[in-house]
Amino acid sequence: MTQSVYTQQTASSFNYNTSTTVTEVPFKDEQALAQAELNNYIETQAEAVAPTQDPLTSRDRRIIGEIIEVEPESVRTIWIEGGITVWVQLVSGGRLPFDRDWFAKRVAQVKATLPETPLERNERLSKELETACIRFGLTYGQIDWLSFSTTLYLNHHRVGFVGYNRANQWYSRRTQLGSSYTFDSVDAAIASLGVRQAVAA
């Protein structure tokens, strides 16, 4: 008995929607094929649901690369062995050992001199803004990440605008096209809009 069967596979190693002619295939072979397909599908789904996460950030790689004088992309991972030795695994397969205390001192030195990336800057400013808004009982609108500016609201009424400029100063203004005033802290910028800190009852 000959029959045509259309199969649909999820694995990239199989051709999708291919026509297969089966001639008197024993039941055990069909079952083994189906089990292999199921196992492959489960593996694919598991990777999609829980992909392997990289424990190192791009900044971590920049710091390590600066310390051991290699390109940041060549650093695969890092771990501490026995509380004494820091191992750096390279993408090429090599491993480099370092004394933990020496490595920690070098990390502190490099961190102090390494410039902040735009993403790191925005994350830091966002935390400062959120903390200040909680203190003042305010909410804020969508942040313009390129210029780091946003609108502030008190009880759904617009209070004004705040942002952070390239001179590393907070600024505020009451209207969108009004004059800006610069300040050293986000708290001072918000206070200049006439908002006072919420008092705990």
C-alpha atoms as a PDB file:
ATOM      1  CA  MET A   1       0.000   0.000   0.000  1.00  0.00           C
ATOM      2  CA  THR A   2       1.401   3.413  -1.019  1.00  0.00           C
ATOM      3  CA  GLN A   3       0.257   6.724   0.427  1.00  0.00           C
ATOM      4  CA  SER A   4       1.347  10.374   0.330  1.00  0.00           C
ATOM      5  CA  VAL A   5       1.842  12.130   3.626  1.00  0.00           C
ATOM      6  CA  TYR A   6       2.453  15.854   4.190  1.00  0.00           C
ATOM      7  CA  THR A   7       4.537  16.563   7.275  1.00  0.00           C
ATOM      8  CA  GLN A   8       5.296  19.856   8.924  1.00  0.00           C
ATOM      9  CA  GLN A   9       8.535  20.056  10.935  1.00  0.00           C
ATOM     10  CA  THR A  10       9.677  22.777  13.331  1.00  0.00           C
ATOM     11  CA  ALA A  11      13.392  22.047  13.203  1.00  0.00           C
ATOM     12  CA  SER A  12      15.503  24.055  10.767  1.00  0.00           C
ATOM     13  CA  SER A  13      17.215  20.857   9.585  1.00  0.00           C
ATOM     14  CA  PHE A  14      13.978  19.637   7.969  1.00  0.00           C
ATOM     15  CA  ASN A  15      12.281  20.947   4.842  1.00  0.00           C
ATOM     16  CA  TYR A  16       8.885  22.442   5.579  1.00  0.00           C
ATOM     17  CA  ASN A  17       5.743  20.970   4.023  1.00  0.00           C
ATOM     18  CA  THR A  18       7.569  18.329   2.014  1.00  0.00           C
ATOM     19  CA  SER A  19       5.785  15.483   0.333  1.00  0.00           C
ATOM     20  CA  THR A  20       6.965  12.029   1.399  1.00  0.00           C
ATOM     21  CA  THR A  21       5.950   8.729  -0.123  1.00  0.00           C
ATOM     22  CA  VAL A  22       5.799   5.918   2.395  1.00  0.00           C
ATOM     23  CA  THR A  23       5.726   2.293   1.280  1.00  0.00           C
ATOM     24  CA  GLU A  24       4.755  -0.218   3.910  1.00  0.00           C
ATOM     25  CA  VAL A  25       6.695   1.410   6.754  1.00  0.00           C
ATOM     26  CA  PRO A  26       6.574  -0.659   9.898  1.00  0.00           C
ATOM     27  CA  PHE A  27       4.745   0.918  12.842  1.00  0.00           C
ATOM     28  CA  LYS A  28       7.912   1.066  15.015  1.00  0.00           C
ATOM     29  CA  ASP A  29       9.742   3.221  12.440  1.00  0.00           C
ATOM     30  CA  GLU A  30       6.831   5.667  12.289  1.00  0.00           C
ATOM     31  CA  GLN A  31       6.751   5.834  16.072  1.00  0.00           C
ATOM     32  CA  ALA A  32      10.533   6.417  16.272  1.00  0.00           C
ATOM     33  CA  LEU A  33      10.284   9.168  13.654  1.00  0.00           C
ATOM     34  CA  ALA A  34       7.398  10.824  15.494  1.00  0.00           C
ATOM     35  CA  GLN A  35       9.284  10.612  18.802  1.00  0.00           C
ATOM     36  CA  ALA A  36      12.387  12.196  17.229  1.00  0.00           C
ATOM     37  CA  GLU A  37      10.252  15.004  15.795  1.00  0.00           C
ATOM     38  CA  LEU A  38       8.625  15.588  19.183  1.00  0.00           C
ATOM     39  CA  ASN A  39      11.982  15.665  20.994  1.00  0.00           C
ATOM     40  CA  ASN A  40      13.365  18.133  18.466  1.00  0.00           C
ATOM     41  CA  TYR A  41      10.273  20.322  18.808  1.00  0.00           C
ATOM     42  CA  ILE A  42      10.542  20.318  22.614  1.00  0.00           C
ATOM     43  CA  GLU A  43      14.224  21.345  22.451  1.00  0.00           C
ATOM     44  CA  THR A  44      13.406  24.163  20.039  1.00  0.00           C
ATOM     45  CA  GLN A  45      10.593  25.433  22.261  1.00  0.00           C
ATOM     46  CA  ALA A  46      12.714  25.212  25.422  1.00  0.00           C
ATOM     47  CA  GLU A  47      15.399  27.398  23.848  1.00  0.00           C
ATOM     48  CA  ALA A  48      12.772  29.892  22.670  1.00  0.00           C
ATOM     49  CA  VAL A  49      11.141  30.104  26.127  1.00  0.00           C
ATOM     50  CA  ALA A  50      14.343  30.227  28.206  1.00  0.00           C
ATOM     51  CA  PRO A  51      17.299  31.345  26.087  1.00  0.00           C
ATOM     52  CA  THR A  52      20.724  31.199  27.664  1.00  0.00           C
ATOM     53  CA  GLN A  53      21.497  34.569  29.217  1.00  0.00           C
ATOM     54  CA  ASP A  54      24.907  36.168  29.100  1.00  0.00           C
ATOM     55  CA  PRO A  55      26.009  37.132  32.628  1.00  0.00           C
ATOM     56  CA  LEU A  56      28.374  39.858  31.349  1.00  0.00           C
ATOM     57  CA  THR A  57      27.145  43.239  30.174  1.00  0.00           C
ATOM     58  CA  SER A  58      28.888  45.174  27.419  1.00  0.00           C
ATOM     59  CA  ARG A  59      30.353  47.457  30.093  1.00  0.00           C
ATOM     60  CA  ASP A  60      31.715  44.417  31.982  1.00  0.00           C
ATOM     61  CA  ARG A  61      33.383  43.245  28.771  1.00  0.00           C
ATOM     62  CA  ARG A  62      34.836  46.723  28.186  1.00  0.00           C
ATOM     63  CA  ILE A  63      36.297  46.770  31.702  1.00  0.00           C
ATOM     64  CA  ILE A  64      37.763  43.259  31.441  1.00  0.00           C
ATOM     65  CA  GLY A  65      39.090  43.985  27.942  1.00  0.00           C
ATOM     66  CA  GLU A  66      40.785  47.134  29.210  1.00  0.00           C
ATOM     67  CA  ILE A  67      42.405  45.240  32.104  1.00  0.00           C
ATOM     68  CA  ILE A  68      43.758  42.313  30.069  1.00  0.00           C
ATOM     69  CA  GLU A  69      44.360  44.428  26.927  1.00  0.00           C
ATOM     70  CA  VAL A  70      42.104  42.562  24.486  1.00  0.00           C
ATOM     71  CA  GLU A  71      39.046  43.525  22.443  1.00  0.00           C
ATOM     72  CA  PRO A  72      35.875  43.414  24.603  1.00  0.00           C
ATOM     73  CA  GLU A  73      34.174  41.063  22.104  1.00  0.00           C
ATOM     74  CA  SER A  74      36.866  38.430  22.712  1.00  0.00           C
ATOM     75  CA  VAL A  75      35.842  37.962  26.383  1.00  0.00           C
ATOM     76  CA  ARG A  76      33.430  35.041  26.801  1.00  0.00           C
ATOM     77  CA  THR A  77      32.974  34.802  30.586  1.00  0.00           C
ATOM     78  CA  ILE A  78      34.643  35.216  33.968  1.00  0.00           C
ATOM     79  CA  TRP A  79      34.529  33.255  37.207  1.00  0.00           C
ATOM     80  CA  ILE A  80      36.267  33.020  40.593  1.00  0.00           C
ATOM     81  CA  GLU A  81      37.852  29.746  41.639  1.00  0.00           C
ATOM     82  CA  GLY A  82      38.457  28.978  45.293  1.00  0.00           C
ATOM     83  CA  GLY A  83      37.917  32.601  46.279  1.00  0.00           C
ATOM     84  CA  ILE A  84      41.482  33.349  45.176  1.00  0.00           C
ATOM     85  CA  THR A  85      41.806  33.193  41.408  1.00  0.00           C
ATOM     86  CA  VAL A  86      39.801  35.096  38.805  1.00  0.00           C
ATOM     87  CA  TRP A  87      39.636  33.242  35.502  1.00  0.00           C
ATOM     88  CA  VAL A  88      38.819  34.996  32.240  1.00  0.00           C
ATOM     89  CA  GLN A  89      37.602  32.719  29.430  1.00  0.00           C
ATOM     90  CA  LEU A  90      38.207  34.038  25.914  1.00  0.00           C
ATOM     91  CA  VAL A  91      36.082  33.315  22.854  1.00  0.00           C
ATOM     92  CA  SER A  92      39.141  31.737  21.211  1.00  0.00           C
ATOM     93  CA  GLY A  93      39.173  29.115  23.974  1.00  0.00           C
ATOM     94  CA  GLY A  94      42.078  30.496  26.013  1.00  0.00           C
ATOM     95  CA  ARG A  95      41.886  31.106  29.752  1.00  0.00           C
ATOM     96  CA  LEU A  96      43.781  33.671  31.792  1.00  0.00           C
ATOM     97  CA  PRO A  97      44.223  33.477  35.607  1.00  0.00           C
ATOM     98  CA  PHE A  98      44.526  36.562  37.840  1.00  0.00           C
ATOM     99  CA  ASP A  99      44.837  37.189  41.564  1.00  0.00           C
ATOM    100  CA  ARG A 100      41.383  38.186  42.842  1.00  0.00           C
ATOM    101  CA  ASP A 101      42.551  41.170  44.906  1.00  0.00           C
ATOM    102  CA  TRP A 102      44.696  42.569  42.091  1.00  0.00           C
ATOM    103  CA  PHE A 103      41.846  42.110  39.609  1.00  0.00           C
ATOM    104  CA  ALA A 104      39.344  43.834  41.931  1.00  0.00           C
ATOM    105  CA  LYS A 105      41.668  46.847  42.297  1.00  0.00           C
ATOM    106  CA  ARG A 106      42.102  47.076  38.520  1.00  0.00           C
ATOM    107  CA  VAL A 107      38.320  46.869  37.997  1.00  0.00           C
ATOM    108  CA  ALA A 108      37.840  49.817  40.391  1.00  0.00           C
ATOM    109  CA  GLN A 109      40.556  51.827  38.593  1.00  0.00           C
ATOM    110  CA  VAL A 110      39.171  51.158  35.121  1.00  0.00           C
ATOM    111  CA  LYS A 111      35.560  51.838  36.179  1.00  0.00           C
ATOM    112  CA  ALA A 112      36.616  55.273  37.448  1.00  0.00           C
ATOM    113  CA  THR A 113      38.155  56.205  34.093  1.00  0.00           C
ATOM    114  CA  LEU A 114      35.762  54.469  31.696  1.00  0.00           C
ATOM    115  CA  PRO A 115      33.242  56.909  30.215  1.00  0.00           C
ATOM    116  CA  GLU A 116      29.556  56.256  30.715  1.00  0.00           C
ATOM    117  CA  THR A 117      27.708  54.870  27.668  1.00  0.00           C
ATOM    118  CA  PRO A 118      24.467  56.569  26.548  1.00  0.00           C
ATOM    119  CA  LEU A 119      22.455  53.574  27.791  1.00  0.00           C
ATOM    120  CA  GLU A 120      24.122  53.694  31.214  1.00  0.00           C
ATOM    121  CA  ARG A 121      23.565  57.460  31.366  1.00  0.00           C
ATOM    122  CA  ASN A 122      19.868  57.092  30.556  1.00  0.00           C
ATOM    123  CA  GLU A 123      19.429  54.304  33.127  1.00  0.00           C
ATOM    124  CA  ARG A 124      21.090  56.440  35.824  1.00  0.00           C
ATOM    125  CA  LEU A 125      19.031  59.526  34.956  1.00  0.00           C
ATOM    126  CA  SER A 126      15.826  57.487  34.814  1.00  0.00           C
ATOM    127  CA  LYS A 127      16.446  56.174  38.335  1.00  0.00           C
ATOM    128  CA  GLU A 128      17.147  59.716  39.608  1.00  0.00           C
ATOM    129  CA  LEU A 129      13.978  61.029  37.957  1.00  0.00           C
ATOM    130  CA  GLU A 130      11.813  58.198  39.282  1.00  0.00           C
ATOM    131  CA  THR A 131      13.123  58.657  42.826  1.00  0.00           C
ATOM    132  CA  ALA A 132      12.502  62.409  42.704  1.00  0.00           C
ATOM    133  CA  CYS A 133       8.993  61.959  41.299  1.00  0.00           C
ATOM    134  CA  ILE A 134       8.133  59.608  44.168  1.00  0.00           C
ATOM    135  CA  ARG A 135       9.390  62.193  46.681  1.00  0.00           C
ATOM    136  CA  PHE A 136       7.323  64.962  45.053  1.00  0.00           C
ATOM    137  CA  GLY A 137       4.260  62.808  44.386  1.00  0.00           C
ATOM    138  CA  LEU A 138       4.543  63.299  40.617  1.00  0.00           C
ATOM    139  CA  THR A 139       4.201  61.113  37.552  1.00  0.00           C
ATOM    140  CA  TYR A 140       5.938  61.586  34.236  1.00  0.00           C
ATOM    141  CA  GLY A 141       5.141  60.946  30.607  1.00  0.00           C
ATOM    142  CA  GLN A 142       7.117  59.081  28.006  1.00  0.00           C
ATOM    143  CA  ILE A 143      10.818  59.888  28.157  1.00  0.00           C
ATOM    144  CA  ASP A 144      12.600  61.178  25.055  1.00  0.00           C
ATOM    145  CA  TRP A 145      15.732  59.048  25.428  1.00  0.00           C
ATOM    146  CA  LEU A 146      17.840  60.993  22.912  1.00  0.00           C
ATOM    147  CA  SER A 147      17.558  64.290  24.743  1.00  0.00           C
ATOM    148  CA  PHE A 148      16.431  62.789  28.067  1.00  0.00           C
ATOM    149  CA  SER A 149      13.420  64.976  28.673  1.00  0.00           C
ATOM    150  CA  THR A 150       9.863  64.367  29.797  1.00  0.00           C
ATOM    151  CA  THR A 151       6.659  65.993  31.002  1.00  0.00           C
ATOM    152  CA  LEU A 152       5.768  66.009  34.712  1.00  0.00           C
ATOM    153  CA  TYR A 153       2.222  65.618  36.033  1.00  0.00           C
ATOM    154  CA  LEU A 154       0.607  66.209  39.410  1.00  0.00           C
ATOM    155  CA  ASN A 155      -2.835  64.609  39.709  1.00  0.00           C
ATOM    156  CA  HIS A 156      -3.046  64.292  35.904  1.00  0.00           C
ATOM    157  CA  HIS A 157      -2.338  68.018  35.404  1.00  0.00           C
ATOM    158  CA  ARG A 158       0.832  69.051  33.594  1.00  0.00           C
ATOM    159  CA  VAL A 159       3.285  70.837  35.875  1.00  0.00           C
ATOM    160  CA  GLY A 160       6.104  71.393  33.389  1.00  0.00           C
ATOM    161  CA  PHE A 161       9.025  69.794  31.625  1.00  0.00           C
ATOM    162  CA  VAL A 162      12.359  68.494  32.943  1.00  0.00           C
ATOM    163  CA  GLY A 163      15.403  67.078  31.226  1.00  0.00           C
ATOM    164  CA  TYR A 164      19.149  66.625  31.312  1.00  0.00           C
ATOM    165  CA  ASN A 165      21.371  68.570  28.927  1.00  0.00           C
ATOM    166  CA  ARG A 166      24.792  67.906  27.394  1.00  0.00           C
ATOM    167  CA  ALA A 167      26.413  70.169  29.973  1.00  0.00           C
ATOM    168  CA  ASN A 168      25.453  67.509  32.550  1.00  0.00           C
ATOM    169  CA  GLN A 169      22.843  69.688  34.247  1.00  0.00           C
ATOM    170  CA  TRP A 170      19.158  69.162  34.942  1.00  0.00           C
ATOM    171  CA  TYR A 171      16.849  71.760  33.451  1.00  0.00           C
ATOM    172  CA  SER A 172      13.185  72.632  33.824  1.00  0.00           C
ATOM    173  CA  ARG A 173      10.652  74.859  32.136  1.00  0.00           C
ATOM    174  CA  ARG A 174       6.953  75.482  32.682  1.00  0.00           C
ATOM    175  CA  THR A 175       5.923  75.428  29.021  1.00  0.00           C
ATOM    176  CA  GLN A 176       7.214  73.409  26.104  1.00  0.00           C
ATOM    177  CA  LEU A 177       8.715  76.439  24.342  1.00  0.00           C
ATOM    178  CA  GLY A 178       9.480  78.500  27.442  1.00  0.00           C
ATOM    179  CA  SER A 179      12.823  79.460  28.916  1.00  0.00           C
ATOM    180  CA  SER A 180      14.846  76.723  30.590  1.00  0.00           C
ATOM    181  CA  TYR A 181      16.602  77.054  33.914  1.00  0.00           C
ATOM    182  CA  THR A 182      19.484  74.742  34.819  1.00  0.00           C
ATOM    183  CA  PHE A 183      20.145  73.049  38.149  1.00  0.00           C
ATOM    184  CA  ASP A 184      22.624  70.646  39.715  1.00  0.00           C
ATOM    185  CA  SER A 185      19.951  68.182  40.834  1.00  0.00           C
ATOM    186  CA  VAL A 186      16.620  66.881  39.618  1.00  0.00           C
ATOM    187  CA  ASP A 187      15.068  67.876  42.965  1.00  0.00           C
ATOM    188  CA  ALA A 188      16.023  71.535  42.420  1.00  0.00           C
ATOM    189  CA  ALA A 189      14.712  71.417  38.832  1.00  0.00           C
ATOM    190  CA  ILE A 190      11.344  70.065  39.997  1.00  0.00           C
ATOM    191  CA  ALA A 191      11.127  72.516  42.903  1.00  0.00           C
ATOM    192  CA  SER A 192      11.651  75.419  40.457  1.00  0.00           C
ATOM    193  CA  LEU A 193       8.321  74.429  38.840  1.00  0.00           C
ATOM    194  CA  GLY A 194       6.565  75.335  42.102  1.00  0.00           C
ATOM    195  CA  VAL A 195       6.120  71.762  43.295  1.00  0.00           C
ATOM    196  CA  ARG A 196       6.869  70.974  46.942  1.00  0.00           C
ATOM    197  CA  GLN A 197       7.845  67.584  48.324  1.00  0.00           C
ATOM    198  CA  ALA A 198       4.937  65.494  49.566  1.00  0.00           C
ATOM    199  CA  VAL A 199       4.736  65.477  53.358  1.00  0.00           C
ATOM    200  CA  ALA A 200       4.138  62.117  55.039  1.00  0.00           C
ATOM    201  CA  ALA A 201       1.068  62.183  57.249  1.00  0.00           C
END
